[in-house]
Amino acid sequence: MKRSEEITHQYFSFLKNHVQQVISGDVSEFMEVNEIAGKLAVSHKHLTDTIKKETGQHPCYFYDNEIIQKAKHMLVDSNYSVAEIARIFTYDPSNFSKFFKKMTGETPGDFRKASGR
């Protein structure tokens, strides 16, 4: 495996674990990409350049996408209110709704209704 593939794999693995740790409350807030780079023992620029080269997207794209996928799952499979889900993800509820709509094109409430909940 090339080093760039290894870094990319480590980033995705770290990201999934980190988002889950925030959801479970084991970690109080999301790390910045530069902090993740430090945990992976690479510079922020090297991590960003490597992820972009390997995937065509910035690391933040995958970070945001991981958060949205987990939020969608919670909206469909839990009885938490949108505000509670926002707080679990360390967002102010109105900012979470804006972020969710920017990423998906619909509000969390509309997504939940469309999923039959």
C-alpha atoms as a PDB file:
ATOM      1  CA  MET A   1       0.000   0.000   0.000  1.00  0.00           C
ATOM      2  CA  LYS A   2       1.313   3.423  -0.921  1.00  0.00           C
ATOM      3  CA  ARG A   3       1.861   5.904   1.928  1.00  0.00           C
ATOM      4  CA  SER A   4      -0.838   8.198   0.510  1.00  0.00           C
ATOM      5  CA  GLU A   5      -3.342   5.317   0.574  1.00  0.00           C
ATOM      6  CA  GLU A   6      -2.308   4.500   4.130  1.00  0.00           C
ATOM      7  CA  ILE A   7      -2.830   8.109   5.259  1.00  0.00           C
ATOM      8  CA  THR A   8      -6.230   8.193   3.546  1.00  0.00           C
ATOM      9  CA  HIS A   9      -7.265   4.934   5.195  1.00  0.00           C
ATOM     10  CA  GLN A  10      -6.064   6.199   8.595  1.00  0.00           C
ATOM     11  CA  TYR A  11      -8.007   9.436   8.128  1.00  0.00           C
ATOM     12  CA  PHE A  12     -11.274   7.656   7.318  1.00  0.00           C
ATOM     13  CA  SER A  13     -10.804   5.233  10.175  1.00  0.00           C
ATOM     14  CA  PHE A  14     -10.014   8.036  12.624  1.00  0.00           C
ATOM     15  CA  LEU A  15     -12.963  10.072  11.353  1.00  0.00           C
ATOM     16  CA  LYS A  16     -15.532   7.304  11.844  1.00  0.00           C
ATOM     17  CA  ASN A  17     -14.218   6.600  15.342  1.00  0.00           C
ATOM     18  CA  HIS A  18     -14.021  10.271  16.302  1.00  0.00           C
ATOM     19  CA  VAL A  19     -17.574  11.109  15.166  1.00  0.00           C
ATOM     20  CA  GLN A  20     -18.853   8.089  17.087  1.00  0.00           C
ATOM     21  CA  GLN A  21     -16.950   9.241  20.195  1.00  0.00           C
ATOM     22  CA  VAL A  22     -18.640  12.657  19.989  1.00  0.00           C
ATOM     23  CA  ILE A  23     -22.074  11.047  19.579  1.00  0.00           C
ATOM     24  CA  SER A  24     -21.505   8.743  22.542  1.00  0.00           C
ATOM     25  CA  GLY A  25     -20.266  11.637  24.678  1.00  0.00           C
ATOM     26  CA  ASP A  26     -16.774  10.181  25.134  1.00  0.00           C
ATOM     27  CA  VAL A  27     -15.375  13.322  23.477  1.00  0.00           C
ATOM     28  CA  SER A  28     -16.944  16.723  24.144  1.00  0.00           C
ATOM     29  CA  GLU A  29     -16.390  18.368  20.755  1.00  0.00           C
ATOM     30  CA  PHE A  30     -15.284  17.761  17.199  1.00  0.00           C
ATOM     31  CA  MET A  31     -11.609  18.140  16.424  1.00  0.00           C
ATOM     32  CA  GLU A  32     -10.348  20.455  13.709  1.00  0.00           C
ATOM     33  CA  VAL A  33      -8.751  18.836  10.651  1.00  0.00           C
ATOM     34  CA  ASN A  34      -5.351  20.175  11.734  1.00  0.00           C
ATOM     35  CA  GLU A  35      -5.774  18.398  15.090  1.00  0.00           C
ATOM     36  CA  ILE A  36      -6.643  15.161  13.302  1.00  0.00           C
ATOM     37  CA  ALA A  37      -3.535  15.585  11.153  1.00  0.00           C
ATOM     38  CA  GLY A  38      -1.483  15.869  14.332  1.00  0.00           C
ATOM     39  CA  LYS A  39      -3.009  12.655  15.688  1.00  0.00           C
ATOM     40  CA  LEU A  40      -2.041  10.956  12.410  1.00  0.00           C
ATOM     41  CA  ALA A  41       1.501  12.370  12.684  1.00  0.00           C
ATOM     42  CA  VAL A  42       1.311  14.370   9.445  1.00  0.00           C
ATOM     43  CA  SER A  43       1.048  18.089   8.770  1.00  0.00           C
ATOM     44  CA  HIS A  44      -2.310  19.679   8.050  1.00  0.00           C
ATOM     45  CA  LYS A  45      -1.157  20.549   4.513  1.00  0.00           C
ATOM     46  CA  HIS A  46       0.108  17.031   3.855  1.00  0.00           C
ATOM     47  CA  LEU A  47      -3.136  15.484   5.082  1.00  0.00           C
ATOM     48  CA  THR A  48      -5.234  17.859   2.987  1.00  0.00           C
ATOM     49  CA  ASP A  49      -3.091  17.395  -0.130  1.00  0.00           C
ATOM     50  CA  THR A  50      -3.063  13.610   0.283  1.00  0.00           C
ATOM     51  CA  ILE A  51      -6.822  13.268   0.778  1.00  0.00           C
ATOM     52  CA  LYS A  52      -7.484  15.569  -2.176  1.00  0.00           C
ATOM     53  CA  LYS A  53      -5.061  13.607  -4.364  1.00  0.00           C
ATOM     54  CA  GLU A  54      -6.512  10.226  -3.386  1.00  0.00           C
ATOM     55  CA  THR A  55     -10.216  11.145  -3.445  1.00  0.00           C
ATOM     56  CA  GLY A  56     -10.620  14.417  -5.344  1.00  0.00           C
ATOM     57  CA  GLN A  57     -12.255  15.995  -2.273  1.00  0.00           C
ATOM     58  CA  HIS A  58     -11.080  18.054   0.697  1.00  0.00           C
ATOM     59  CA  PRO A  59     -10.969  16.224   4.064  1.00  0.00           C
ATOM     60  CA  CYS A  60     -13.769  18.480   5.362  1.00  0.00           C
ATOM     61  CA  TYR A  61     -16.111  17.056   2.727  1.00  0.00           C
ATOM     62  CA  PHE A  62     -15.783  13.595   4.282  1.00  0.00           C
ATOM     63  CA  TYR A  63     -15.921  14.974   7.822  1.00  0.00           C
ATOM     64  CA  ASP A  64     -19.190  16.796   7.118  1.00  0.00           C
ATOM     65  CA  ASN A  65     -20.560  13.799   5.244  1.00  0.00           C
ATOM     66  CA  GLU A  66     -19.829  11.454   8.156  1.00  0.00           C
ATOM     67  CA  ILE A  67     -21.677  13.811  10.514  1.00  0.00           C
ATOM     68  CA  ILE A  68     -24.645  14.049   8.131  1.00  0.00           C
ATOM     69  CA  GLN A  69     -24.856  10.269   7.677  1.00  0.00           C
ATOM     70  CA  LYS A  70     -24.883   9.724  11.443  1.00  0.00           C
ATOM     71  CA  ALA A  71     -27.436  12.509  11.903  1.00  0.00           C
ATOM     72  CA  LYS A  72     -29.698  11.003   9.224  1.00  0.00           C
ATOM     73  CA  HIS A  73     -29.503   7.658  10.987  1.00  0.00           C
ATOM     74  CA  MET A  74     -30.502   9.272  14.291  1.00  0.00           C
ATOM     75  CA  LEU A  75     -33.352  11.190  12.660  1.00  0.00           C
ATOM     76  CA  VAL A  76     -34.798   7.971  11.247  1.00  0.00           C
ATOM     77  CA  ASP A  77     -33.972   5.489  14.018  1.00  0.00           C
ATOM     78  CA  SER A  78     -34.382   7.463  17.243  1.00  0.00           C
ATOM     79  CA  ASN A  79     -37.039   9.421  19.060  1.00  0.00           C
ATOM     80  CA  TYR A  80     -34.675  12.312  19.808  1.00  0.00           C
ATOM     81  CA  SER A  81     -35.952  15.723  18.783  1.00  0.00           C
ATOM     82  CA  VAL A  82     -33.995  17.630  16.155  1.00  0.00           C
ATOM     83  CA  ALA A  83     -32.757  19.946  18.919  1.00  0.00           C
ATOM     84  CA  GLU A  84     -31.523  16.966  20.974  1.00  0.00           C
ATOM     85  CA  ILE A  85     -29.738  15.517  17.945  1.00  0.00           C
ATOM     86  CA  ALA A  86     -28.153  18.919  17.295  1.00  0.00           C
ATOM     87  CA  ARG A  87     -26.852  19.012  20.861  1.00  0.00           C
ATOM     88  CA  ILE A  88     -25.506  15.443  20.604  1.00  0.00           C
ATOM     89  CA  PHE A  89     -23.518  16.640  17.599  1.00  0.00           C
ATOM     90  CA  THR A  90     -22.379  19.696  19.609  1.00  0.00           C
ATOM     91  CA  TYR A  91     -24.352  22.141  17.451  1.00  0.00           C
ATOM     92  CA  ASP A  92     -26.713  24.920  18.369  1.00  0.00           C
ATOM     93  CA  PRO A  93     -30.088  23.676  16.974  1.00  0.00           C
ATOM     94  CA  SER A  94     -30.489  26.497  14.433  1.00  0.00           C
ATOM     95  CA  ASN A  95     -26.915  26.091  13.188  1.00  0.00           C
ATOM     96  CA  PHE A  96     -27.416  22.347  12.909  1.00  0.00           C
ATOM     97  CA  SER A  97     -30.545  22.850  10.805  1.00  0.00           C
ATOM     98  CA  LYS A  98     -28.683  25.260   8.514  1.00  0.00           C
ATOM     99  CA  PHE A  99     -25.742  22.858   8.197  1.00  0.00           C
ATOM    100  CA  PHE A 100     -28.048  19.910   7.512  1.00  0.00           C
ATOM    101  CA  LYS A 101     -30.005  21.844   4.874  1.00  0.00           C
ATOM    102  CA  LYS A 102     -26.804  23.085   3.208  1.00  0.00           C
ATOM    103  CA  MET A 103     -25.514  19.518   2.986  1.00  0.00           C
ATOM    104  CA  THR A 104     -28.747  17.726   2.024  1.00  0.00           C
ATOM    105  CA  GLY A 105     -31.073  20.326   0.552  1.00  0.00           C
ATOM    106  CA  GLU A 106     -33.718  19.780   3.228  1.00  0.00           C
ATOM    107  CA  THR A 107     -34.192  20.527   6.890  1.00  0.00           C
ATOM    108  CA  PRO A 108     -33.761  17.764   9.480  1.00  0.00           C
ATOM    109  CA  GLY A 109     -37.507  17.866  10.160  1.00  0.00           C
ATOM    110  CA  ASP A 110     -38.364  17.532   6.465  1.00  0.00           C
ATOM    111  CA  PHE A 111     -35.889  14.670   6.128  1.00  0.00           C
ATOM    112  CA  ARG A 112     -37.475  12.895   9.079  1.00  0.00           C
ATOM    113  CA  LYS A 113     -40.996  13.363   7.657  1.00  0.00           C
ATOM    114  CA  ALA A 114     -39.910  12.141   4.209  1.00  0.00           C
ATOM    115  CA  SER A 115     -38.471   9.007   5.809  1.00  0.00           C
ATOM    116  CA  GLY A 116     -41.870   8.143   7.224  1.00  0.00           C
ATOM    117  CA  ARG A 117     -41.275   9.231  10.817  1.00  0.00           C
END
